[in-house]
Amino acid sequence: MSATDGDAVLSSAGVAAADLSALLELIGGTDVVELDVSVGSTRVRLRRSAGGAPSPPPPADQPVADEATLAITSPLVGVFRASVGIGADLDAGQSIGVVEALGLPTHVEAPHAGTVEALLVASGSPVEYGQPLLVLRRARPTS
């Protein structure tokens, strides 16, 4: 992308092309269907089509994200309080923590069994609706 193309993206979308590209790379290897990001007065909403078009391959210098991982996102705006850490083994439906809004905790549960691969938000930090909280590596089904 040329500098002129990047300037056009910044002036029309309010976000730099490099920042938008980095955001797309971040969610490219996840099951995130919709992501809404606000920075200052700029709001960017990314949404996959119902068919789930495949994401472009990552650059050769980056590790390949596999489909066995997914990001668990915040169900609402509030303060996230994690109850698990990196490396924790989770069962489907097990709480990963709570998002507290107006003093009321809302439990966030793991949709699949697996292992916590990365915490994306520090416990006690404010979160937005749809913001990825952690990355879960799905457990392999036993046969």
Protein backbone atom coordinates (compact mmCIF):
# COMPACT_ATOMS: atom_id res chain seq x y z
CA MET A 1 0.00 0.00 0.00
CA SER A 2 1.42 3.35 -0.97
CA ALA A 3 1.59 6.36 1.34
CA THR A 4 -1.18 7.99 -0.70
CA ASP A 5 -3.44 4.95 -0.17
CA GLY A 6 -2.69 5.05 3.56
CA ASP A 7 -3.52 8.78 3.68
CA ALA A 8 -6.84 8.11 1.93
CA VAL A 9 -7.74 5.44 4.51
CA LEU A 10 -6.82 7.77 7.38
CA SER A 11 -8.86 10.67 6.00
CA SER A 12 -11.94 8.58 5.16
CA ALA A 13 -11.98 6.09 8.03
CA GLY A 14 -10.21 8.09 10.75
CA VAL A 15 -7.72 5.29 11.33
CA ALA A 16 -4.27 4.71 9.82
CA ALA A 17 -4.02 1.90 7.27
CA ALA A 18 -1.20 0.28 9.29
CA ASP A 19 -3.36 0.26 12.44
CA LEU A 20 -6.29 -1.23 10.54
CA SER A 21 -4.01 -3.87 9.03
CA ALA A 22 -2.62 -4.77 12.48
CA LEU A 23 -6.16 -5.12 13.86
CA LEU A 24 -7.17 -7.40 10.98
CA GLU A 25 -4.07 -9.57 11.55
CA LEU A 26 -4.88 -9.81 15.27
CA ILE A 27 -8.34 -11.29 14.70
CA GLY A 28 -7.54 -13.11 11.44
CA GLY A 29 -6.79 -16.47 13.05
CA THR A 30 -9.64 -16.42 15.54
CA ASP A 31 -13.35 -17.24 15.57
CA VAL A 32 -14.23 -13.61 16.26
CA VAL A 33 -17.27 -12.81 14.10
CA GLU A 34 -17.67 -9.15 14.99
CA LEU A 35 -15.35 -6.62 16.61
CA ASP A 36 -16.22 -3.03 17.46
CA VAL A 37 -13.27 -0.79 18.40
CA SER A 38 -13.47 2.84 19.51
CA VAL A 39 -10.45 5.10 19.90
CA GLY A 40 -11.29 8.69 20.69
CA SER A 41 -13.97 9.79 18.26
CA THR A 42 -13.12 7.04 15.75
CA ARG A 43 -15.16 3.83 15.75
CA VAL A 44 -14.32 0.84 13.56
CA ARG A 45 -16.60 -2.20 13.28
CA LEU A 46 -15.26 -5.36 11.66
CA ARG A 47 -17.72 -8.11 10.79
CA ARG A 48 -17.22 -11.41 8.98
CA SER A 49 -19.79 -12.48 6.44
CA ALA A 50 -22.14 -15.33 7.35
CA GLY A 51 -20.16 -17.62 5.04
CA GLY A 52 -16.98 -16.85 6.95
CA ALA A 53 -14.66 -15.97 4.09
CA PRO A 54 -11.18 -17.33 4.76
CA SER A 55 -8.63 -14.83 5.98
CA PRO A 56 -5.55 -14.16 3.86
CA PRO A 57 -2.45 -16.18 4.75
CA PRO A 58 -0.14 -14.53 7.28
CA PRO A 59 3.24 -13.17 6.18
CA ALA A 60 5.99 -15.80 6.00
CA ASP A 61 7.77 -14.35 9.06
CA GLN A 62 4.74 -14.85 11.32
CA PRO A 63 3.64 -18.17 12.85
CA VAL A 64 0.51 -19.66 11.33
CA ALA A 65 -2.53 -19.34 13.59
CA ASP A 66 -4.46 -22.56 13.55
CA GLU A 67 -8.19 -23.07 13.70
CA ALA A 68 -7.89 -24.78 17.06
CA THR A 69 -7.76 -21.40 18.82
CA LEU A 70 -10.50 -18.90 19.46
CA ALA A 71 -10.85 -15.59 21.25
CA ILE A 72 -13.43 -15.36 24.01
CA THR A 73 -14.97 -11.90 23.92
CA SER A 74 -16.66 -9.63 26.43
CA PRO A 75 -20.46 -9.84 26.46
CA LEU A 76 -20.79 -6.23 27.65
CA VAL A 77 -18.98 -3.04 28.62
CA GLY A 78 -17.53 -3.13 32.14
CA VAL A 79 -14.49 -4.17 34.16
CA PHE A 80 -13.05 -7.64 33.50
CA ARG A 81 -11.93 -9.75 36.46
CA ALA A 82 -10.17 -12.92 35.32
CA SER A 83 -10.51 -16.13 37.32
CA VAL A 84 -8.07 -18.15 35.17
CA GLY A 85 -4.48 -17.77 34.06
CA ILE A 86 -2.33 -18.77 31.11
CA GLY A 87 -2.06 -22.54 30.89
CA ALA A 88 -5.31 -23.21 32.77
CA ASP A 89 -7.29 -26.19 31.49
CA LEU A 90 -10.98 -25.36 31.11
CA ASP A 91 -14.14 -27.39 30.63
CA ALA A 92 -16.91 -26.18 28.32
CA GLY A 93 -19.12 -23.81 30.31
CA GLN A 94 -16.48 -23.11 32.95
CA SER A 95 -16.20 -19.46 34.03
CA ILE A 96 -13.12 -17.58 32.82
CA GLY A 97 -14.04 -14.57 34.95
CA VAL A 98 -16.65 -11.84 35.22
CA VAL A 99 -17.37 -8.53 33.58
CA GLU A 100 -18.68 -6.16 36.21
CA ALA A 101 -21.03 -3.39 35.11
CA LEU A 102 -22.91 -1.11 37.51
CA GLY A 103 -21.76 -3.34 40.37
CA LEU A 104 -23.35 -6.46 38.85
CA PRO A 105 -21.04 -9.31 37.79
CA THR A 106 -21.79 -11.19 34.56
CA HIS A 107 -19.98 -14.52 34.24
CA VAL A 108 -18.08 -15.18 31.01
CA GLU A 109 -17.87 -18.89 30.18
CA ALA A 110 -15.63 -20.94 27.93
CA PRO A 111 -17.67 -22.11 24.93
CA HIS A 112 -15.39 -25.14 24.46
CA ALA A 113 -13.02 -27.21 26.57
CA GLY A 114 -9.40 -26.18 26.12
CA THR A 115 -6.33 -24.47 27.50
CA VAL A 116 -5.86 -20.74 28.05
CA GLU A 117 -3.15 -19.72 25.58
CA ALA A 118 -3.07 -15.95 26.21
CA LEU A 119 -4.75 -13.38 28.43
CA LEU A 120 -5.44 -10.32 26.30
CA VAL A 121 -6.82 -8.11 29.09
CA ALA A 122 -5.35 -7.65 32.55
CA SER A 123 -7.69 -8.45 35.40
CA GLY A 124 -9.32 -5.26 36.67
CA SER A 125 -9.14 -3.52 33.28
CA PRO A 126 -12.10 -1.86 31.54
CA VAL A 127 -13.42 -3.70 28.48
CA GLU A 128 -15.79 -2.95 25.61
CA TYR A 129 -18.54 -5.14 24.21
CA GLY A 130 -17.00 -7.74 21.88
CA GLN A 131 -13.43 -7.06 23.02
CA PRO A 132 -11.30 -10.24 23.03
CA LEU A 133 -10.47 -11.22 26.62
CA LEU A 134 -8.37 -14.35 26.14
CA VAL A 135 -7.29 -16.90 23.57
CA LEU A 136 -8.41 -20.49 24.14
CA ARG A 137 -6.77 -23.46 22.44
CA ARG A 138 -9.56 -25.98 21.96
CA ALA A 139 -9.08 -29.42 23.43
CA ARG A 140 -8.72 -32.16 20.86
CA PRO A 141 -11.75 -34.45 20.85
CA THR A 142 -11.06 -37.89 22.25
CA SER A 143 -12.17 -40.82 20.14
